[in-house]
Structure formats: C-alpha cells, structure tokens
Amino acid sequence: GAAPAAEATSRSLQPQDTALAAIYQRSCASCHTVAATGAPLAGDRVAWEPRMAKGMPALVDNIVNGFGGMPPFGLCMDCDAAQLEALTRFMATGE
C-alpha cells in the first residue's frame, strides 16, 4: 500500500482553479487521499502512470461508468468531460 507520507502529501494538494478545487473536495478527495480505499492517491505519479497510459478517453469512460470501487462520475453527476479530465490530470500529477 501507499506510505503514510504519500497519503499526507495527497491531502495537501489542491487544484489551482477554485471551481475544480470545490469539485475535488466534495467528489474526489474522500477516496483519492485515503490509501485504504485502494484509489490511486492524488499526486502519486507512480500509481497513476499505468492508468494514464490507457489514455484520457479510456479514463474518462471509466469515471463516467464507474470502475472498480469508484461510483459512476466519481459522485460528480454534474461534471462534464473537460472537468473530469482536468481533475484526473490534477490527481495524476499533483499540479
């Protein structure tokens, strides 16, 4: 599993865009900052690398339909594809 340091780092990250940050806090952070959920942690580039290798269209499709333990739309029912892409890029890079 992820080291406690990686978990702490994931909790310190915030999207720069305030609208995305609000979505991130309400829909993404509850799983993507908790290693025990099995979700790749925000900012954990190693965990995200094989996921990002699938390509953004495949990742957005996984988000929309739900994947593994992730509910459809990652609980952001009003998010559009561009927002989902931006949030995914943020979590994958921590930037």
Protein backbone atom coordinates (compact mmCIF):
# COMPACT_ATOMS: atom_id res chain seq x y z
CA GLY A 1 0.00 0.00 0.00
CA ALA A 2 0.90 3.66 -0.10
CA ALA A 3 3.20 5.08 2.54
CA PRO A 4 1.70 7.44 5.15
CA ALA A 5 3.86 10.20 3.64
CA ALA A 6 2.16 9.75 0.25
CA GLU A 7 -1.22 9.94 1.96
CA ALA A 8 -0.23 13.14 3.78
CA THR A 9 1.07 14.66 0.55
CA SER A 10 -2.17 13.80 -1.26
CA ARG A 11 -4.14 15.65 1.42
CA SER A 12 -2.06 18.81 0.96
CA LEU A 13 -2.78 19.11 -2.77
CA GLN A 14 -5.49 21.36 -4.21
CA PRO A 15 -6.35 22.24 -7.80
CA GLN A 16 -5.39 25.86 -8.56
CA ASP A 17 -8.76 26.53 -10.18
CA THR A 18 -11.26 27.34 -7.40
CA ALA A 19 -14.21 25.70 -9.18
CA LEU A 20 -12.22 22.50 -9.72
CA ALA A 21 -10.97 22.63 -6.13
CA ALA A 22 -14.56 22.70 -4.87
CA ILE A 23 -15.49 19.68 -7.02
CA TYR A 24 -12.32 17.89 -5.94
CA GLN A 25 -13.11 18.43 -2.26
CA ARG A 26 -16.69 17.19 -2.50
CA SER A 27 -16.28 14.36 -5.00
CA CYS A 28 -12.68 13.12 -5.29
CA ALA A 29 -10.70 13.77 -2.12
CA SER A 30 -12.65 11.39 0.14
CA CYS A 31 -11.15 8.42 -1.74
CA HIS A 32 -8.10 9.79 -3.56
CA THR A 33 -6.44 10.93 -0.30
CA VAL A 34 -7.09 7.68 1.63
CA ALA A 35 -4.79 4.79 0.75
CA ALA A 36 -7.11 2.22 2.34
CA THR A 37 -9.74 2.84 -0.36
CA GLY A 38 -7.40 1.41 -3.00
CA ALA A 39 -7.87 4.53 -5.14
CA PRO A 40 -4.65 5.98 -6.57
CA LEU A 41 -3.63 8.87 -4.33
CA ALA A 42 -3.59 12.40 -5.67
CA GLY A 43 -0.05 13.28 -6.67
CA ASP A 44 1.19 9.67 -6.66
CA ARG A 45 2.67 9.69 -10.16
CA VAL A 46 3.81 6.06 -9.90
CA ALA A 47 0.29 4.82 -9.10
CA TRP A 48 -1.23 6.97 -11.86
CA GLU A 49 1.31 6.08 -14.57
CA PRO A 50 -0.32 2.82 -15.75
CA ARG A 51 -3.75 4.44 -15.55
CA MET A 52 -2.69 7.48 -17.59
CA ALA A 53 -1.11 5.10 -20.12
CA LYS A 54 -4.64 3.92 -21.00
CA GLY A 55 -5.30 7.37 -22.43
CA MET A 56 -7.64 10.10 -21.25
CA PRO A 57 -10.68 8.89 -23.26
CA ALA A 58 -10.48 5.49 -21.52
CA LEU A 59 -10.05 7.11 -18.11
CA VAL A 60 -13.00 9.45 -18.60
CA ASP A 61 -15.07 6.45 -19.75
CA ASN A 62 -14.07 4.62 -16.54
CA ILE A 63 -15.08 7.64 -14.46
CA VAL A 64 -18.44 8.10 -16.19
CA ASN A 65 -19.36 4.42 -15.94
CA GLY A 66 -17.74 3.71 -12.59
CA PHE A 67 -14.68 1.49 -12.27
CA GLY A 68 -13.61 -0.87 -9.50
CA GLY A 69 -14.74 0.78 -6.27
CA MET A 70 -15.35 4.15 -7.91
CA PRO A 71 -19.01 5.09 -8.35
CA PRO A 72 -20.22 6.47 -11.69
CA PHE A 73 -18.99 10.01 -12.34
CA GLY A 74 -16.89 9.74 -9.16
CA LEU A 75 -20.04 11.13 -7.49
CA CYS A 76 -19.88 14.33 -9.56
CA MET A 77 -23.05 13.92 -11.58
CA ASP A 78 -22.90 17.48 -12.93
CA CYS A 79 -19.26 17.24 -14.09
CA ASP A 80 -18.58 17.39 -17.81
CA ALA A 81 -15.79 15.53 -19.62
CA ALA A 82 -13.47 18.56 -19.56
CA GLN A 83 -13.81 18.85 -15.78
CA LEU A 84 -13.25 15.12 -15.31
CA GLU A 85 -10.12 15.33 -17.48
CA ALA A 86 -8.80 18.33 -15.56
CA LEU A 87 -9.42 16.63 -12.21
CA THR A 88 -7.75 13.43 -13.42
CA ARG A 89 -4.71 15.35 -14.69
CA PHE A 90 -4.50 17.16 -11.35
CA MET A 91 -4.64 13.93 -9.35
CA ALA A 92 -2.17 12.18 -11.64
CA THR A 93 0.43 14.93 -11.37
CA GLY A 94 -0.38 16.82 -8.19
CA GLU A 95 -0.35 20.03 -10.27
